[in-house]
Amino acid sequence: MNSYLITIIPPENVANTVNKYRNKYSKDASDKIPPHITIYPPFHLQQISEEKMLNLLNKTFCETPSFNLNFDSVDYFEGNNNVAYFAPDKKSSDYLKETFSKTITSLSGNVEDVPADYTLSADSFTPHMTIVSKIPVEEFDKIKNELVDIKENLSFVCKFIYLYKQDEKSEIWNSVGKIELKTPDF
């Protein structure tokens, strides 16, 4: 059964900067999926086709205006899966949490979540762009020290929401569709 993921993909200039760090710290991250912000974690379709899923997402987001995103710091998840990531500023985090909440409402009853222990709530959602995950405990402090002074300002306008599907054999994620956000009237 294929896994799906709903993401935001940054433009090439931002992706290149993120990949510079991913390639330094991770052995295979950029081989499986490009830099992204997960809007909805891996799931399986449940009694809905890929085409209907894209239509549902389009209906949910077609009137959502595009928005600015800014990732201006590095932060960490510590525990079972040590992760270093680029973190969004407060305004960007709020936009991403709103997008996450709309997605939860839209997908209700149509998907089966893959990570059963994942809590799907805006309060527990931490938007981010992963630099490296699964950092061994013995390397974590060293990597944190190297990343502490990074001053990248990764800014872009989010114009699309993407649906990705994981190839079961290669485990590579591929885009199967994108939903265009509304261009704001100026």
Protein backbone atom coordinates (compact mmCIF):
# COMPACT_ATOMS: atom_id res chain seq x y z
CA MET A 1 0.00 0.00 0.00
CA ASN A 2 1.44 3.39 -1.03
CA SER A 3 2.16 6.09 1.51
CA TYR A 4 1.26 9.70 0.74
CA LEU A 5 2.46 12.98 2.20
CA ILE A 6 1.21 16.55 1.88
CA THR A 7 3.99 19.10 1.67
CA ILE A 8 5.17 22.53 0.68
CA ILE A 9 8.24 22.48 -1.56
CA PRO A 10 10.47 25.57 -1.47
CA PRO A 11 11.81 27.14 -4.67
CA GLU A 12 15.14 25.99 -6.06
CA ASN A 13 17.29 28.70 -4.43
CA VAL A 14 15.96 27.80 -0.95
CA ALA A 15 16.13 24.05 -1.66
CA ASN A 16 19.77 24.42 -2.76
CA THR A 17 20.68 26.11 0.53
CA VAL A 18 18.87 23.45 2.57
CA ASN A 19 20.53 20.70 0.51
CA LYS A 20 23.95 22.18 1.24
CA TYR A 21 23.37 21.32 4.91
CA ARG A 22 21.50 18.08 4.23
CA ASN A 23 24.38 16.80 2.11
CA LYS A 24 26.88 17.70 4.83
CA TYR A 25 25.03 16.01 7.69
CA SER A 26 22.89 13.29 6.15
CA LYS A 27 23.94 10.33 4.08
CA ASP A 28 20.72 9.81 2.12
CA ALA A 29 18.10 12.48 2.94
CA SER A 30 18.24 14.29 -0.39
CA ASP A 31 18.02 10.99 -2.27
CA LYS A 32 14.52 10.19 -0.95
CA ILE A 33 12.66 13.52 -0.99
CA PRO A 34 13.57 17.13 -1.76
CA PRO A 35 13.62 19.75 1.01
CA HIS A 36 10.05 20.30 2.14
CA ILE A 37 7.71 21.32 4.94
CA THR A 38 5.41 18.47 5.90
CA ILE A 39 1.83 19.68 6.12
CA TYR A 40 0.37 16.24 6.77
CA PRO A 41 2.56 13.25 7.74
CA PRO A 42 2.58 9.95 5.84
CA PHE A 43 -0.82 8.34 5.33
CA HIS A 44 -2.64 5.75 3.23
CA LEU A 45 -5.67 6.54 1.12
CA GLN A 46 -8.84 4.99 2.50
CA GLN A 47 -11.71 4.44 0.06
CA ILE A 48 -10.62 7.43 -2.03
CA SER A 49 -8.60 7.55 -5.24
CA GLU A 50 -5.53 9.69 -5.83
CA GLU A 51 -7.55 11.81 -8.25
CA LYS A 52 -10.32 12.37 -5.69
CA MET A 53 -7.69 13.23 -3.07
CA LEU A 54 -6.27 15.91 -5.36
CA ASN A 55 -9.78 17.24 -6.02
CA LEU A 56 -10.45 17.35 -2.28
CA LEU A 57 -7.21 19.25 -1.65
CA ASN A 58 -7.97 21.63 -4.51
CA LYS A 59 -11.42 22.33 -3.06
CA THR A 60 -9.83 22.97 0.34
CA PHE A 61 -7.06 25.29 -0.85
CA CYS A 62 -8.19 26.94 -4.10
CA GLU A 63 -9.42 30.03 -2.23
CA THR A 64 -6.46 30.11 0.19
CA PRO A 65 -4.17 33.00 -0.71
CA SER A 66 -0.49 32.32 -1.26
CA PHE A 67 1.60 33.38 1.74
CA ASN A 68 5.15 34.33 2.66
CA LEU A 69 7.30 31.88 4.57
CA ASN A 70 10.51 32.70 6.39
CA PHE A 71 12.79 30.14 8.06
CA ASP A 72 15.30 32.10 10.10
CA SER A 73 16.73 29.78 12.75
CA VAL A 74 17.86 26.23 13.47
CA ASP A 75 16.14 24.13 16.12
CA TYR A 76 16.02 20.49 17.21
CA PHE A 77 13.81 17.58 18.16
CA GLU A 78 15.56 15.55 20.82
CA GLY A 79 14.66 12.03 21.86
CA ASN A 80 14.11 8.81 19.94
CA ASN A 81 14.78 10.50 16.59
CA ASN A 82 17.21 13.38 17.05
CA VAL A 83 16.53 15.94 14.31
CA ALA A 84 18.10 19.27 13.31
CA TYR A 85 15.88 21.55 11.25
CA PHE A 86 15.30 25.04 9.92
CA ALA A 87 12.51 26.65 11.93
CA PRO A 88 10.02 29.23 10.66
CA ASP A 89 9.46 32.61 12.26
CA LYS A 90 6.25 33.10 14.28
CA LYS A 91 4.13 34.50 11.43
CA SER A 92 5.18 31.68 9.09
CA SER A 93 4.54 29.11 11.78
CA ASP A 94 1.02 30.48 12.24
CA TYR A 95 0.32 30.24 8.47
CA LEU A 96 1.62 26.67 8.42
CA LYS A 97 -0.46 25.66 11.45
CA GLU A 98 -3.55 27.13 9.78
CA THR A 99 -2.74 25.14 6.62
CA PHE A 100 -2.25 22.02 8.73
CA SER A 101 -5.63 22.53 10.46
CA LYS A 102 -7.42 22.96 7.11
CA THR A 103 -5.75 19.77 5.89
CA ILE A 104 -6.84 17.76 8.94
CA THR A 105 -10.44 18.86 8.44
CA SER A 106 -10.30 18.13 4.72
CA LEU A 107 -8.83 14.63 5.07
CA SER A 108 -11.01 13.48 7.95
CA GLY A 109 -12.30 9.97 7.23
CA ASN A 110 -10.43 9.72 3.91
CA VAL A 111 -7.00 8.61 5.13
CA GLU A 112 -5.36 6.18 7.52
CA ASP A 113 -2.39 7.68 9.33
CA VAL A 114 0.85 5.73 8.99
CA PRO A 115 2.56 6.74 12.24
CA ALA A 116 -0.10 5.60 14.71
CA ASP A 117 1.56 7.49 17.57
CA TYR A 118 1.47 10.85 15.76
CA THR A 119 -0.82 13.42 17.37
CA LEU A 120 -2.66 15.42 14.73
CA SER A 121 -3.39 18.77 16.34
CA ALA A 122 -2.24 22.31 15.63
CA ASP A 123 -0.84 22.51 19.16
CA SER A 124 1.47 19.53 18.63
CA PHE A 125 2.40 20.44 15.02
CA THR A 126 5.91 21.91 14.70
CA PRO A 127 6.47 23.19 11.15
CA HIS A 128 10.05 22.74 9.96
CA MET A 129 12.44 21.86 7.12
CA THR A 130 14.62 18.94 8.16
CA ILE A 131 18.37 19.24 7.82
CA VAL A 132 19.18 15.81 9.27
CA SER A 133 17.24 13.18 11.21
CA LYS A 134 18.17 10.05 13.11
CA ILE A 135 21.28 11.75 14.51
CA PRO A 136 23.17 9.30 16.73
CA VAL A 137 23.29 10.48 20.35
CA GLU A 138 27.09 10.56 20.29
CA GLU A 139 27.08 13.00 17.31
CA PHE A 140 24.13 15.20 18.35
CA ASP A 141 26.01 17.76 20.48
CA LYS A 142 28.73 18.13 17.84
CA ILE A 143 26.17 18.82 15.11
CA LYS A 144 24.24 21.23 17.33
CA ASN A 145 27.47 23.16 18.00
CA GLU A 146 28.22 23.37 14.29
CA LEU A 147 24.72 24.60 13.46
CA VAL A 148 24.32 27.07 16.33
CA ASP A 149 25.73 30.07 14.43
CA ILE A 150 24.06 29.44 11.07
CA LYS A 151 22.38 32.58 9.81
CA GLU A 152 20.42 31.57 6.74
CA ASN A 153 17.33 33.54 5.88
CA LEU A 154 15.23 31.14 3.83
CA SER A 155 12.27 33.15 2.54
CA PHE A 156 9.80 32.42 -0.23
CA VAL A 157 6.17 32.75 -1.24
CA CYS A 158 4.21 29.53 -0.84
CA LYS A 159 2.16 29.20 -4.03
CA PHE A 160 1.43 25.46 -4.05
CA ILE A 161 0.53 22.53 -1.80
CA TYR A 162 1.95 19.22 -3.06
CA LEU A 163 0.77 15.63 -2.78
CA TYR A 164 3.70 13.18 -2.74
CA LYS A 165 3.57 9.40 -3.03
CA GLN A 166 6.31 7.05 -1.86
CA ASP A 167 7.47 4.34 -4.24
CA GLU A 168 7.14 1.10 -2.29
CA LYS A 169 10.36 -0.45 -3.61
CA SER A 170 12.80 2.47 -3.78
CA GLU A 171 11.17 4.44 -0.90
CA ILE A 172 11.64 7.59 -2.99
CA TRP A 173 8.91 10.22 -2.72
CA ASN A 174 7.54 11.66 -5.98
CA SER A 175 5.10 14.47 -6.59
CA VAL A 176 1.78 13.23 -7.96
CA GLY A 177 0.06 16.59 -7.99
CA LYS A 178 0.06 20.15 -6.80
CA ILE A 179 -2.68 22.52 -5.76
CA GLU A 180 -2.23 26.14 -6.67
CA LEU A 181 -3.04 28.66 -3.98
CA LYS A 182 -4.96 31.81 -4.86
CA THR A 183 -2.84 34.71 -6.07
CA PRO A 184 -3.66 37.67 -3.82
CA ASP A 185 -5.26 40.72 -5.40
CA PHE A 186 -3.02 43.75 -4.93
